[in-house]
C-alpha atoms as a PDB file:
ATOM      1  CA  UNK A   1      39.892  61.489 117.759  1.00  0.00           C
ATOM      2  CA  UNK A   2      37.496  60.852 114.825  1.00  0.00           C
ATOM      3  CA  UNK A   3      38.779  59.209 111.632  1.00  0.00           C
ATOM      4  CA  UNK A   4      37.990  62.237 109.395  1.00  0.00           C
ATOM      5  CA  UNK A   5      39.573  64.710 111.777  1.00  0.00           C
ATOM      6  CA  UNK A   6      42.679  62.523 112.281  1.00  0.00           C
ATOM      7  CA  UNK A   7      43.087  62.044 108.521  1.00  0.00           C
ATOM      8  CA  UNK A   8      42.847  65.794 107.888  1.00  0.00           C
ATOM      9  CA  UNK A   9      45.391  66.599 110.601  1.00  0.00           C
ATOM     10  CA  UNK A  10      47.793  63.906 109.384  1.00  0.00           C
ATOM     11  CA  UNK A  11      47.572  65.312 105.873  1.00  0.00           C
ATOM     12  CA  UNK A  12      48.260  68.820 107.176  1.00  0.00           C
ATOM     13  CA  UNK A  13      51.298  67.663 109.114  1.00  0.00           C
ATOM     14  CA  UNK A  14      52.517  65.664 106.124  1.00  0.00           C
ATOM     15  CA  UNK A  15      52.641  68.867 104.089  1.00  0.00           C
ATOM     16  CA  UNK A  16      55.073  70.252 106.690  1.00  0.00           C
ATOM     17  CA  UNK A  17      57.537  67.495 105.782  1.00  0.00           C
ATOM     18  CA  UNK A  18      57.273  65.058 108.706  1.00  0.00           C
ATOM     19  CA  UNK A  19      54.249  63.452 110.319  1.00  0.00           C
ATOM     20  CA  UNK A  20      54.581  65.129 113.681  1.00  0.00           C
ATOM     21  CA  UNK A  21      54.147  62.671 116.553  1.00  0.00           C
ATOM     22  CA  UNK A  22      52.787  59.189 116.329  1.00  0.00           C
ATOM     23  CA  UNK A  23      52.035  57.426 119.630  1.00  0.00           C
ATOM     24  CA  UNK A  24      51.035  53.820 119.890  1.00  0.00           C
ATOM     25  CA  UNK A  25      47.750  53.450 121.800  1.00  0.00           C
ATOM     26  CA  UNK A  26      46.239  49.988 121.932  1.00  0.00           C
ATOM     27  CA  UNK A  27      47.808  49.114 118.599  1.00  0.00           C
ATOM     28  CA  UNK A  28      46.339  52.192 116.928  1.00  0.00           C
ATOM     29  CA  UNK A  29      48.405  55.196 115.734  1.00  0.00           C
ATOM     30  CA  UNK A  30      47.204  58.552 116.977  1.00  0.00           C
ATOM     31  CA  UNK A  31      48.358  61.982 115.781  1.00  0.00           C
ATOM     32  CA  UNK A  32      48.464  64.157 118.889  1.00  0.00           C
ATOM     33  CA  UNK A  33      46.712  67.523 118.777  1.00  0.00           C
ATOM     34  CA  UNK A  34      48.592  70.048 120.941  1.00  0.00           C
ATOM     35  CA  UNK A  35      46.110  72.773 121.962  1.00  0.00           C
ATOM     36  CA  UNK A  36      47.866  75.998 122.853  1.00  0.00           C
ATOM     37  CA  UNK A  37      44.718  77.461 124.404  1.00  0.00           C
ATOM     38  CA  UNK A  38      42.620  74.413 125.193  1.00  0.00           C
ATOM     39  CA  UNK A  39      40.601  74.734 122.002  1.00  0.00           C
ATOM     40  CA  UNK A  40      39.780  72.069 119.442  1.00  0.00           C
ATOM     41  CA  UNK A  41      41.335  71.740 115.975  1.00  0.00           C
ATOM     42  CA  UNK A  42      38.126  72.402 114.135  1.00  0.00           C
ATOM     43  CA  UNK A  43      37.620  75.599 116.116  1.00  0.00           C
ATOM     44  CA  UNK A  44      40.863  77.097 114.758  1.00  0.00           C
ATOM     45  CA  UNK A  45      42.576  77.227 118.166  1.00  0.00           C
ATOM     46  CA  UNK A  46      45.906  75.988 119.445  1.00  0.00           C
ATOM     47  CA  UNK A  47      49.279  75.237 117.932  1.00  0.00           C
ATOM     48  CA  UNK A  48      51.052  72.015 116.979  1.00  0.00           C
ATOM     49  CA  UNK A  49      54.600  70.783 117.086  1.00  0.00           C
ATOM     50  CA  UNK A  50      54.931  69.791 113.434  1.00  0.00           C
ATOM     51  CA  UNK A  51      58.554  68.766 112.784  1.00  0.00           C
ATOM     52  CA  UNK A  52      61.785  68.305 114.700  1.00  0.00           C
ATOM     53  CA  UNK A  53      64.826  66.965 112.926  1.00  0.00           C
ATOM     54  CA  UNK A  54      66.298  65.570 110.839  1.00  0.00           C
ATOM     55  CA  UNK A  55      66.887  62.488 112.940  1.00  0.00           C
ATOM     56  CA  UNK A  56      70.175  60.631 112.715  1.00  0.00           C
ATOM     57  CA  UNK A  57      72.040  63.656 111.438  1.00  0.00           C
ATOM     58  CA  UNK A  58      75.786  63.948 111.931  1.00  0.00           C
ATOM     59  CA  UNK A  59      77.240  66.991 113.636  1.00  0.00           C
ATOM     60  CA  UNK A  60      80.819  68.136 114.141  1.00  0.00           C
ATOM     61  CA  UNK A  61      82.128  68.392 117.686  1.00  0.00           C
ATOM     62  CA  UNK A  62      83.025  71.865 118.943  1.00  0.00           C
ATOM     63  CA  UNK A  63      86.256  73.655 118.119  1.00  0.00           C
ATOM     64  CA  UNK A  64      87.276  75.648 121.201  1.00  0.00           C
ATOM     65  CA  UNK A  65      83.816  76.762 122.229  1.00  0.00           C
ATOM     66  CA  UNK A  66      82.058  76.723 118.880  1.00  0.00           C
ATOM     67  CA  UNK A  67      79.775  74.070 117.414  1.00  0.00           C
ATOM     68  CA  UNK A  68      79.876  73.541 113.663  1.00  0.00           C
ATOM     69  CA  UNK A  69      76.965  71.576 112.247  1.00  0.00           C
ATOM     70  CA  UNK A  70      77.189  69.493 109.099  1.00  0.00           C
ATOM     71  CA  UNK A  71      73.412  69.731 108.812  1.00  0.00           C
ATOM     72  CA  UNK A  72      70.907  71.960 110.601  1.00  0.00           C
ATOM     73  CA  UNK A  73      68.590  70.660 113.298  1.00  0.00           C
ATOM     74  CA  UNK A  74      65.342  72.592 113.437  1.00  0.00           C
ATOM     75  CA  UNK A  75      61.736  72.882 114.628  1.00  0.00           C
ATOM     76  CA  UNK A  76      58.540  73.918 112.853  1.00  0.00           C
ATOM     77  CA  UNK A  77      55.102  74.470 114.329  1.00  0.00           C
ATOM     78  CA  UNK A  78      51.591  74.723 112.928  1.00  0.00           C
ATOM     79  CA  UNK A  79      49.381  77.425 114.410  1.00  0.00           C
ATOM     80  CA  UNK A  80      45.625  77.446 114.722  1.00  0.00           C
ATOM     81  CA  UNK A  81      44.420  80.428 116.720  1.00  0.00           C
ATOM     82  CA  UNK A  82      47.559  80.669 118.859  1.00  0.00           C
ATOM     83  CA  UNK A  83      49.726  83.536 117.566  1.00  0.00           C
ATOM     84  CA  UNK A  84      51.955  84.381 120.514  1.00  0.00           C
ATOM     85  CA  UNK A  85      55.487  83.187 121.354  1.00  0.00           C
ATOM     86  CA  UNK A  86      55.802  79.442 121.938  1.00  0.00           C
ATOM     87  CA  UNK A  87      58.246  77.677 124.251  1.00  0.00           C
ATOM     88  CA  UNK A  88      59.465  74.293 122.966  1.00  0.00           C
ATOM     89  CA  UNK A  89      61.184  72.299 125.718  1.00  0.00           C
ATOM     90  CA  UNK A  90      64.099  70.248 124.403  1.00  0.00           C
ATOM     91  CA  UNK A  91      65.856  67.730 126.638  1.00  0.00           C
ATOM     92  CA  UNK A  92      68.838  65.479 125.936  1.00  0.00           C
ATOM     93  CA  UNK A  93      69.610  61.913 126.959  1.00  0.00           C
ATOM     94  CA  UNK A  94      73.274  62.947 127.260  1.00  0.00           C
ATOM     95  CA  UNK A  95      73.952  66.666 127.547  1.00  0.00           C
ATOM     96  CA  UNK A  96      77.704  66.182 127.119  1.00  0.00           C
ATOM     97  CA  UNK A  97      77.112  64.875 123.589  1.00  0.00           C
ATOM     98  CA  UNK A  98      74.499  67.406 122.553  1.00  0.00           C
ATOM     99  CA  UNK A  99      72.242  69.866 124.369  1.00  0.00           C
ATOM    100  CA  UNK A 100      70.235  73.054 123.912  1.00  0.00           C
ATOM    101  CA  UNK A 101      71.000  76.094 126.045  1.00  0.00           C
ATOM    102  CA  UNK A 102      68.320  76.486 128.688  1.00  0.00           C
ATOM    103  CA  UNK A 103      66.734  73.212 127.507  1.00  0.00           C
ATOM    104  CA  UNK A 104      64.257  75.228 125.459  1.00  0.00           C
ATOM    105  CA  UNK A 105      63.689  77.045 122.172  1.00  0.00           C
ATOM    106  CA  UNK A 106      61.382  80.063 121.904  1.00  0.00           C
ATOM    107  CA  UNK A 107      59.397  80.329 118.669  1.00  0.00           C
ATOM    108  CA  UNK A 108      58.749  84.059 118.038  1.00  0.00           C
ATOM    109  CA  UNK A 109      55.243  85.428 117.815  1.00  0.00           C
ATOM    110  CA  UNK A 110      53.547  84.447 114.576  1.00  0.00           C
ATOM    111  CA  UNK A 111      56.450  82.294 113.322  1.00  0.00           C
ATOM    112  CA  UNK A 112      55.835  78.829 111.883  1.00  0.00           C
ATOM    113  CA  UNK A 113      58.840  78.439 109.591  1.00  0.00           C
ATOM    114  CA  UNK A 114      61.716  76.018 110.141  1.00  0.00           C
ATOM    115  CA  UNK A 115      63.728  77.457 113.031  1.00  0.00           C
ATOM    116  CA  UNK A 116      67.313  76.235 113.634  1.00  0.00           C
ATOM    117  CA  UNK A 117      68.042  74.859 117.105  1.00  0.00           C
ATOM    118  CA  UNK A 118      71.315  76.156 118.619  1.00  0.00           C
ATOM    119  CA  UNK A 119      73.335  73.236 119.968  1.00  0.00           C
ATOM    120  CA  UNK A 120      76.261  72.703 122.288  1.00  0.00           C
ATOM    121  CA  UNK A 121      78.550  69.710 122.791  1.00  0.00           C
ATOM    122  CA  UNK A 122      81.620  68.677 124.729  1.00  0.00           C
ATOM    123  CA  UNK A 123      81.888  65.036 123.671  1.00  0.00           C
ATOM    124  CA  UNK A 124      81.350  62.757 120.701  1.00  0.00           C
ATOM    125  CA  UNK A 125      78.781  59.991 120.537  1.00  0.00           C
ATOM    126  CA  UNK A 126      75.051  59.556 120.001  1.00  0.00           C
ATOM    127  CA  UNK A 127      72.260  61.067 122.072  1.00  0.00           C
ATOM    128  CA  UNK A 128      68.507  61.556 121.814  1.00  0.00           C
ATOM    129  CA  UNK A 129      66.928  65.003 121.837  1.00  0.00           C
ATOM    130  CA  UNK A 130      63.243  65.234 122.730  1.00  0.00           C
ATOM    131  CA  UNK A 131      61.151  68.287 121.831  1.00  0.00           C
ATOM    132  CA  UNK A 132      57.973  68.731 123.910  1.00  0.00           C
ATOM    133  CA  UNK A 133      55.112  71.171 123.584  1.00  0.00           C
ATOM    134  CA  UNK A 134      51.838  70.930 125.555  1.00  0.00           C
ATOM    135  CA  UNK A 135      51.792  67.132 125.669  1.00  0.00           C
ATOM    136  CA  UNK A 136      53.097  66.426 122.183  1.00  0.00           C
ATOM    137  CA  UNK A 137      56.673  65.310 121.668  1.00  0.00           C
ATOM    138  CA  UNK A 138      59.147  64.222 118.983  1.00  0.00           C
ATOM    139  CA  UNK A 139      62.456  62.450 119.681  1.00  0.00           C
ATOM    140  CA  UNK A 140      65.374  62.467 117.267  1.00  0.00           C
ATOM    141  CA  UNK A 141      68.749  60.771 117.370  1.00  0.00           C
ATOM    142  CA  UNK A 142      71.835  62.943 116.895  1.00  0.00           C
ATOM    143  CA  UNK A 143      75.359  61.608 116.288  1.00  0.00           C
ATOM    144  CA  UNK A 144      78.286  63.911 117.026  1.00  0.00           C
ATOM    145  CA  UNK A 145      81.543  63.195 115.184  1.00  0.00           C
ATOM    146  CA  UNK A 146      84.970  64.543 116.118  1.00  0.00           C
ATOM    147  CA  UNK A 147      86.524  67.409 114.211  1.00  0.00           C
ATOM    148  CA  UNK A 148      89.740  65.830 112.934  1.00  0.00           C
ATOM    149  CA  UNK A 149      91.477  67.108 109.804  1.00  0.00           C
ATOM    150  CA  UNK A 150      93.857  65.537 107.333  1.00  0.00           C
ATOM    151  CA  UNK A 151      96.742  67.971 107.698  1.00  0.00           C
ATOM    152  CA  UNK A 152      99.554  66.644 105.482  1.00  0.00           C
ATOM    153  CA  UNK A 153      99.828  63.962 102.799  1.00  0.00           C
ATOM    154  CA  UNK A 154     102.977  62.693 101.084  1.00  0.00           C
ATOM    155  CA  UNK A 155     102.626  60.568  97.948  1.00  0.00           C
ATOM    156  CA  UNK A 156     105.418  59.234  95.703  1.00  0.00           C
ATOM    157  CA  UNK A 157     107.469  62.163  96.843  1.00  0.00           C
ATOM    158  CA  UNK A 158     111.044  61.039  96.201  1.00  0.00           C
ATOM    159  CA  UNK A 159     110.613  57.811  94.314  1.00  0.00           C
ATOM    160  CA  UNK A 160     110.749  55.917  97.593  1.00  0.00           C
ATOM    161  CA  UNK A 161     107.307  54.494  98.471  1.00  0.00           C
ATOM    162  CA  UNK A 162     108.428  53.978 102.050  1.00  0.00           C
ATOM    163  CA  UNK A 163     108.467  57.638 103.065  1.00  0.00           C
ATOM    164  CA  UNK A 164     104.797  58.362 102.399  1.00  0.00           C
ATOM    165  CA  UNK A 165     102.303  59.230 105.109  1.00  0.00           C
ATOM    166  CA  UNK A 166      98.996  60.794 106.127  1.00  0.00           C
ATOM    167  CA  UNK A 167      99.103  63.204 109.059  1.00  0.00           C
ATOM    168  CA  UNK A 168      96.004  64.077 111.100  1.00  0.00           C
ATOM    169  CA  UNK A 169      95.454  67.230 113.188  1.00  0.00           C
ATOM    170  CA  UNK A 170      92.954  67.993 115.951  1.00  0.00           C
ATOM    171  CA  UNK A 171      92.041  71.725 115.868  1.00  0.00           C
ATOM    172  CA  UNK A 172      89.827  71.507 118.966  1.00  0.00           C
ATOM    173  CA  UNK A 173      90.292  71.544 122.732  1.00  0.00           C
ATOM    174  CA  UNK A 174      88.936  67.998 123.094  1.00  0.00           C
ATOM    175  CA  UNK A 175      90.753  64.660 123.185  1.00  0.00           C
ATOM    176  CA  UNK A 176      89.143  62.354 120.621  1.00  0.00           C
ATOM    177  CA  UNK A 177      89.218  58.570 120.463  1.00  0.00           C
ATOM    178  CA  UNK A 178      90.041  57.324 116.962  1.00  0.00           C
ATOM    179  CA  UNK A 179      89.326  53.665 117.725  1.00  0.00           C
ATOM    180  CA  UNK A 180      87.853  51.993 114.666  1.00  0.00           C
ATOM    181  CA  UNK A 181      88.231  55.067 112.453  1.00  0.00           C
ATOM    182  CA  UNK A 182      89.194  54.271 108.881  1.00  0.00           C
ATOM    183  CA  UNK A 183      91.688  55.789 106.445  1.00  0.00           C
ATOM    184  CA  UNK A 184      90.610  55.278 102.833  1.00  0.00           C
ATOM    185  CA  UNK A 185      92.426  55.813  99.541  1.00  0.00           C
ATOM    186  CA  UNK A 186      91.446  56.160  95.899  1.00  0.00           C
ATOM    187  CA  UNK A 187      93.972  56.424  93.087  1.00  0.00           C
ATOM    188  CA  UNK A 188      93.526  59.016  90.318  1.00  0.00           C
ATOM    189  CA  UNK A 189      90.268  59.673  88.514  1.00  0.00           C
ATOM    190  CA  UNK A 190      89.037  56.080  88.142  1.00  0.00           C
ATOM    191  CA  UNK A 191      85.281  56.438  88.447  1.00  0.00           C
ATOM    192  CA  UNK A 192      84.628  52.697  88.190  1.00  0.00           C
ATOM    193  CA  UNK A 193      86.028  51.698  91.576  1.00  0.00           C
ATOM    194  CA  UNK A 194      85.122  52.607  95.175  1.00  0.00           C
ATOM    195  CA  UNK A 195      87.411  53.760  97.959  1.00  0.00           C
ATOM    196  CA  UNK A 196      89.836  51.234  99.417  1.00  0.00           C
ATOM    197  CA  UNK A 197      89.969  50.827 103.201  1.00  0.00           C
ATOM    198  CA  UNK A 198      93.695  51.001 103.815  1.00  0.00           C
ATOM    199  CA  UNK A 199      93.977  51.321 107.597  1.00  0.00           C
ATOM    200  CA  UNK A 200      91.588  50.811 110.512  1.00  0.00           C
ATOM    201  CA  UNK A 201      92.918  52.451 113.660  1.00  0.00           C
ATOM    202  CA  UNK A 202      93.321  50.378 116.815  1.00  0.00           C
ATOM    203  CA  UNK A 203      91.382  50.419 120.071  1.00  0.00           C
ATOM    204  CA  UNK A 204      93.925  52.666 121.814  1.00  0.00           C
ATOM    205  CA  UNK A 205      94.131  55.247 119.037  1.00  0.00           C
ATOM    206  CA  UNK A 206      93.372  58.815 120.069  1.00  0.00           C
ATOM    207  CA  UNK A 207      94.389  62.339 119.148  1.00  0.00           C
ATOM    208  CA  UNK A 208      95.114  65.004 121.751  1.00  0.00           C
ATOM    209  CA  UNK A 209      93.742  68.568 121.700  1.00  0.00           C
ATOM    210  CA  UNK A 210      95.685  70.540 119.056  1.00  0.00           C
ATOM    211  CA  UNK A 211      97.780  67.411 118.551  1.00  0.00           C
ATOM    212  CA  UNK A 212      98.790  65.144 115.673  1.00  0.00           C
ATOM    213  CA  UNK A 213      98.451  61.493 114.660  1.00  0.00           C
ATOM    214  CA  UNK A 214     100.631  59.960 111.925  1.00  0.00           C
ATOM    215  CA  UNK A 215      99.782  57.053 109.631  1.00  0.00           C
ATOM    216  CA  UNK A 216     102.713  55.630 107.672  1.00  0.00           C
ATOM    217  CA  UNK A 217     102.288  54.149 104.211  1.00  0.00           C
ATOM    218  CA  UNK A 218     103.752  50.819 103.066  1.00  0.00           C
ATOM    219  CA  UNK A 219     107.139  50.013 104.703  1.00  0.00           C
ATOM    220  CA  UNK A 220     107.302  53.454 106.294  1.00  0.00           C
ATOM    221  CA  UNK A 221     110.959  54.064 107.107  1.00  0.00           C
ATOM    222  CA  UNK A 222     111.290  57.714 108.036  1.00  0.00           C
ATOM    223  CA  UNK A 223     112.955  58.747 111.292  1.00  0.00           C
ATOM    224  CA  UNK A 224     109.667  60.137 112.679  1.00  0.00           C
ATOM    225  CA  UNK A 225     107.592  57.690 114.704  1.00  0.00           C
ATOM    226  CA  UNK A 226     104.154  56.659 113.505  1.00  0.00           C
ATOM    227  CA  UNK A 227     101.030  55.378 115.209  1.00  0.00           C
ATOM    228  CA  UNK A 228      99.621  53.155 112.487  1.00  0.00           C
ATOM    229  CA  UNK A 229     100.667  51.951 109.050  1.00  0.00           C
ATOM    230  CA  UNK A 230      99.206  50.719 105.782  1.00  0.00           C
ATOM    231  CA  UNK A 231     100.889  47.818 103.984  1.00  0.00           C
ATOM    232  CA  UNK A 232      98.989  48.163 100.724  1.00  0.00           C
ATOM    233  CA  UNK A 233     101.489  49.929  98.448  1.00  0.00           C
ATOM    234  CA  UNK A 234     102.336  53.471  97.383  1.00  0.00           C
ATOM    235  CA  UNK A 235     100.040  56.415  96.794  1.00  0.00           C
ATOM    236  CA  UNK A 236      99.883  57.787  93.262  1.00  0.00           C
ATOM    237  CA  UNK A 237     101.926  60.939  92.743  1.00  0.00           C
ATOM    238  CA  UNK A 238      99.869  62.078  89.748  1.00  0.00           C
ATOM    239  CA  UNK A 239      96.570  62.244  91.556  1.00  0.00           C
ATOM    240  CA  UNK A 240      94.676  60.604  94.371  1.00  0.00           C
ATOM    241  CA  UNK A 241      92.299  61.029  97.281  1.00  0.00           C
ATOM    242  CA  UNK A 242      92.493  60.121 100.957  1.00  0.00           C
ATOM    243  CA  UNK A 243      89.530  60.171 103.296  1.00  0.00           C
ATOM    244  CA  UNK A 244      89.127  59.749 107.055  1.00  0.00           C
ATOM    245  CA  UNK A 245      85.875  58.202 108.195  1.00  0.00           C
ATOM    246  CA  UNK A 246      84.104  57.164 111.389  1.00  0.00           C
ATOM    247  CA  UNK A 247      83.527  53.465 112.141  1.00  0.00           C
ATOM    248  CA  UNK A 248      81.040  51.990 109.700  1.00  0.00           C
ATOM    249  CA  UNK A 249      81.829  54.303 106.783  1.00  0.00           C
ATOM    250  CA  UNK A 250      81.095  52.876 103.360  1.00  0.00           C
ATOM    251  CA  UNK A 251      83.329  53.030 100.293  1.00  0.00           C
ATOM    252  CA  UNK A 252      81.158  55.166  97.998  1.00  0.00           C
ATOM    253  CA  UNK A 253      82.010  58.691  96.936  1.00  0.00           C
ATOM    254  CA  UNK A 254      79.369  60.254  99.196  1.00  0.00           C
ATOM    255  CA  UNK A 255      79.339  58.917 102.766  1.00  0.00           C
ATOM    256  CA  UNK A 256      77.756  60.588 105.795  1.00  0.00           C
ATOM    257  CA  UNK A 257      80.428  59.294 108.179  1.00  0.00           C
ATOM    258  CA  UNK A 258      83.189  61.221 106.407  1.00  0.00           C
ATOM    259  CA  UNK A 259      85.322  63.425 108.664  1.00  0.00           C
ATOM    260  CA  UNK A 260      87.666  64.861 106.042  1.00  0.00           C
ATOM    261  CA  UNK A 261      88.715  64.358 102.417  1.00  0.00           C
ATOM    262  CA  UNK A 262      91.775  65.576 100.539  1.00  0.00           C
ATOM    263  CA  UNK A 263      92.359  65.170  96.807  1.00  0.00           C
ATOM    264  CA  UNK A 264      95.527  66.112  94.921  1.00  0.00           C
ATOM    265  CA  UNK A 265      96.082  66.432  91.196  1.00  0.00           C
ATOM    266  CA  UNK A 266      93.728  68.207  88.806  1.00  0.00           C
ATOM    267  CA  UNK A 267      92.478  67.309  85.349  1.00  0.00           C
ATOM    268  CA  UNK A 268      91.632  64.015  83.652  1.00  0.00           C
ATOM    269  CA  UNK A 269      94.258  62.042  85.583  1.00  0.00           C
ATOM    270  CA  UNK A 270      93.794  63.922  88.834  1.00  0.00           C
ATOM    271  CA  UNK A 271      91.893  63.224  92.035  1.00  0.00           C
ATOM    272  CA  UNK A 272      88.623  61.284  91.966  1.00  0.00           C
ATOM    273  CA  UNK A 273      87.283  62.849  95.152  1.00  0.00           C
ATOM    274  CA  UNK A 274      88.007  66.183  96.837  1.00  0.00           C
ATOM    275  CA  UNK A 275      86.392  69.134  98.613  1.00  0.00           C
ATOM    276  CA  UNK A 276      85.368  71.764  96.018  1.00  0.00           C
ATOM    277  CA  UNK A 277      88.717  71.670  94.118  1.00  0.00           C
ATOM    278  CA  UNK A 278      91.657  69.292  94.307  1.00  0.00           C
ATOM    279  CA  UNK A 279      95.095  70.550  95.340  1.00  0.00           C
ATOM    280  CA  UNK A 280      97.185  71.442  92.282  1.00  0.00           C
ATOM    281  CA  UNK A 281     100.552  69.668  92.282  1.00  0.00           C
ATOM    282  CA  UNK A 282     103.746  70.265  90.276  1.00  0.00           C
ATOM    283  CA  UNK A 283     104.042  68.635  86.873  1.00  0.00           C
ATOM    284  CA  UNK A 284     106.989  66.615  88.154  1.00  0.00           C
ATOM    285  CA  UNK A 285     106.052  63.092  89.277  1.00  0.00           C
ATOM    286  CA  UNK A 286     107.866  63.516  92.583  1.00  0.00           C
ATOM    287  CA  UNK A 287     107.011  66.302  95.009  1.00  0.00           C
ATOM    288  CA  UNK A 288     107.230  66.766  98.758  1.00  0.00           C
ATOM    289  CA  UNK A 289     103.786  66.891 100.328  1.00  0.00           C
ATOM    290  CA  UNK A 290     100.533  68.818 100.438  1.00  0.00           C
ATOM    291  CA  UNK A 291      99.971  70.513 103.803  1.00  0.00           C
ATOM    292  CA  UNK A 292      96.925  72.212 105.283  1.00  0.00           C
ATOM    293  CA  UNK A 293      97.422  75.911 106.009  1.00  0.00           C
ATOM    294  CA  UNK A 294      97.759  77.420 109.470  1.00  0.00           C
ATOM    295  CA  UNK A 295      96.209  80.708 108.282  1.00  0.00           C
ATOM    296  CA  UNK A 296      94.212  81.598 105.203  1.00  0.00           C
ATOM    297  CA  UNK A 297      97.175  83.502 103.723  1.00  0.00           C
ATOM    298  CA  UNK A 298      99.839  80.909 104.616  1.00  0.00           C
ATOM    299  CA  UNK A 299     102.363  80.000 101.899  1.00  0.00           C
ATOM    300  CA  UNK A 300     105.083  77.392 101.535  1.00  0.00           C
ATOM    301  CA  UNK A 301     107.539  80.019 102.774  1.00  0.00           C
ATOM    302  CA  UNK A 302     105.545  81.012 105.891  1.00  0.00           C
ATOM    303  CA  UNK A 303     104.806  77.349 106.719  1.00  0.00           C
ATOM    304  CA  UNK A 304     108.489  76.419 106.426  1.00  0.00           C
ATOM    305  CA  UNK A 305     110.728  75.645 109.392  1.00  0.00           C
ATOM    306  CA  UNK A 306     111.783  79.281 109.832  1.00  0.00           C
ATOM    307  CA  UNK A 307     108.435  80.779 108.784  1.00  0.00           C
ATOM    308  CA  UNK A 308     106.021  82.667 111.078  1.00  0.00           C
ATOM    309  CA  UNK A 309     103.224  80.112 110.518  1.00  0.00           C
ATOM    310  CA  UNK A 310     105.364  77.041 111.126  1.00  0.00           C
ATOM    311  CA  UNK A 311     104.053  76.242 114.617  1.00  0.00           C
ATOM    312  CA  UNK A 312     100.500  77.598 114.332  1.00  0.00           C
ATOM    313  CA  UNK A 313      98.818  74.275 113.612  1.00  0.00           C
ATOM    314  CA  UNK A 314      96.870  73.254 110.496  1.00  0.00           C
ATOM    315  CA  UNK A 315      93.373  74.491 111.163  1.00  0.00           C
ATOM    316  CA  UNK A 316      92.232  76.207 107.953  1.00  0.00           C
ATOM    317  CA  UNK A 317      89.172  74.364 106.635  1.00  0.00           C
ATOM    318  CA  UNK A 318      86.962  76.154 104.112  1.00  0.00           C
ATOM    319  CA  UNK A 319      85.875  72.873 102.471  1.00  0.00           C
ATOM    320  CA  UNK A 320      88.055  73.706  99.438  1.00  0.00           C
ATOM    321  CA  UNK A 321      91.225  71.588  99.143  1.00  0.00           C
ATOM    322  CA  UNK A 322      92.826  73.937  96.643  1.00  0.00           C
ATOM    323  CA  UNK A 323      92.389  76.943  98.943  1.00  0.00           C
ATOM    324  CA  UNK A 324      93.190  75.119 102.188  1.00  0.00           C
ATOM    325  CA  UNK A 325      96.454  73.414 101.183  1.00  0.00           C
ATOM    326  CA  UNK A 326      99.909  74.357  99.968  1.00  0.00           C
ATOM    327  CA  UNK A 327     102.431  72.161  98.180  1.00  0.00           C
ATOM    328  CA  UNK A 328     105.695  71.733 100.062  1.00  0.00           C
ATOM    329  CA  UNK A 329     109.073  70.667  98.747  1.00  0.00           C
ATOM    330  CA  UNK A 330     110.209  69.455 102.166  1.00  0.00           C
ATOM    331  CA  UNK A 331     108.028  67.026 104.091  1.00  0.00           C
ATOM    332  CA  UNK A 332     107.483  67.544 107.803  1.00  0.00           C
ATOM    333  CA  UNK A 333     105.305  64.779 109.314  1.00  0.00           C
ATOM    334  CA  UNK A 334     104.338  65.115 112.986  1.00  0.00           C
ATOM    335  CA  UNK A 335     103.093  62.649 115.584  1.00  0.00           C
ATOM    336  CA  UNK A 336     101.798  63.077 119.114  1.00  0.00           C
ATOM    337  CA  UNK A 337     105.433  63.239 120.210  1.00  0.00           C
ATOM    338  CA  UNK A 338     105.750  66.544 118.386  1.00  0.00           C
ATOM    339  CA  UNK A 339     103.571  68.255 120.988  1.00  0.00           C
ATOM    340  CA  UNK A 340     100.641  70.524 120.302  1.00  0.00           C
ATOM    341  CA  UNK A 341     100.058  73.495 117.989  1.00  0.00           C
ATOM    342  CA  UNK A 342      99.306  76.249 118.566  1.00  0.00           C
END
């Protein structure tokens, strides 16, 4: 490929957002032209696989047959004289982690815009997806994280720091390993300090489908069993934030390895970090707990022991803590021994 022609094509692909495919050939980078009809670039023929990505993105594992993405994986093409439908073959290094139905994506006639790639998954981990079109290819790395929610948090609830906890819930049909996952805490709205890693879960930690996992705080002394504990002191009752992260998560406010975040307490002395809005808590220093809803219209009454939503799990997640949680007077922590819901 001539220097002028290669430079022009590289510039064109750069406009699309990602330099398409670079292959090492004798120590020299070459941008691959993908002719859809056997023509040359300067003749206006063919089509090119321009972008596939983003690479390294984090996706959420499926919840009972669905697949919720935290960011969208997509393909774009550049067309010369090729205007018809285009088949992009997409293969996976581990189809259980992430795959594309039929191992292909069809780009409609005339389309060149960013087109989302529908994905499927039945396991967590990291896999490589490779998009191929007429000899050109791009490989991206995709990491799939488990869908695990913080379902109930008790903080300074009765003046006894030893009855506080963080409860986790698995709303999916998959059993997830939690080995190396990290629970983090941040007291009220102190913007000058990062999160504190308060508990790293052990090598045998896991959470069953529709099951629970309980982390006790300080000298946890409730009757309910717990799977892990933090010995670092009490949570603030006025306002605070807890976050669950995958192994390797940092301590900044924005971290890509975050699975879930819950903040309680609003206003100047409220939560430092939260999803959309923090959970409002009573003005009294001591309260029971904040619990994730089973249904969008769940209340403290319906989530209570005798309520219709009591045993329906804690799966509401609209990315808004204030809308997704209720404040309870009576705490009700659950572990794996409690069975599954629903």
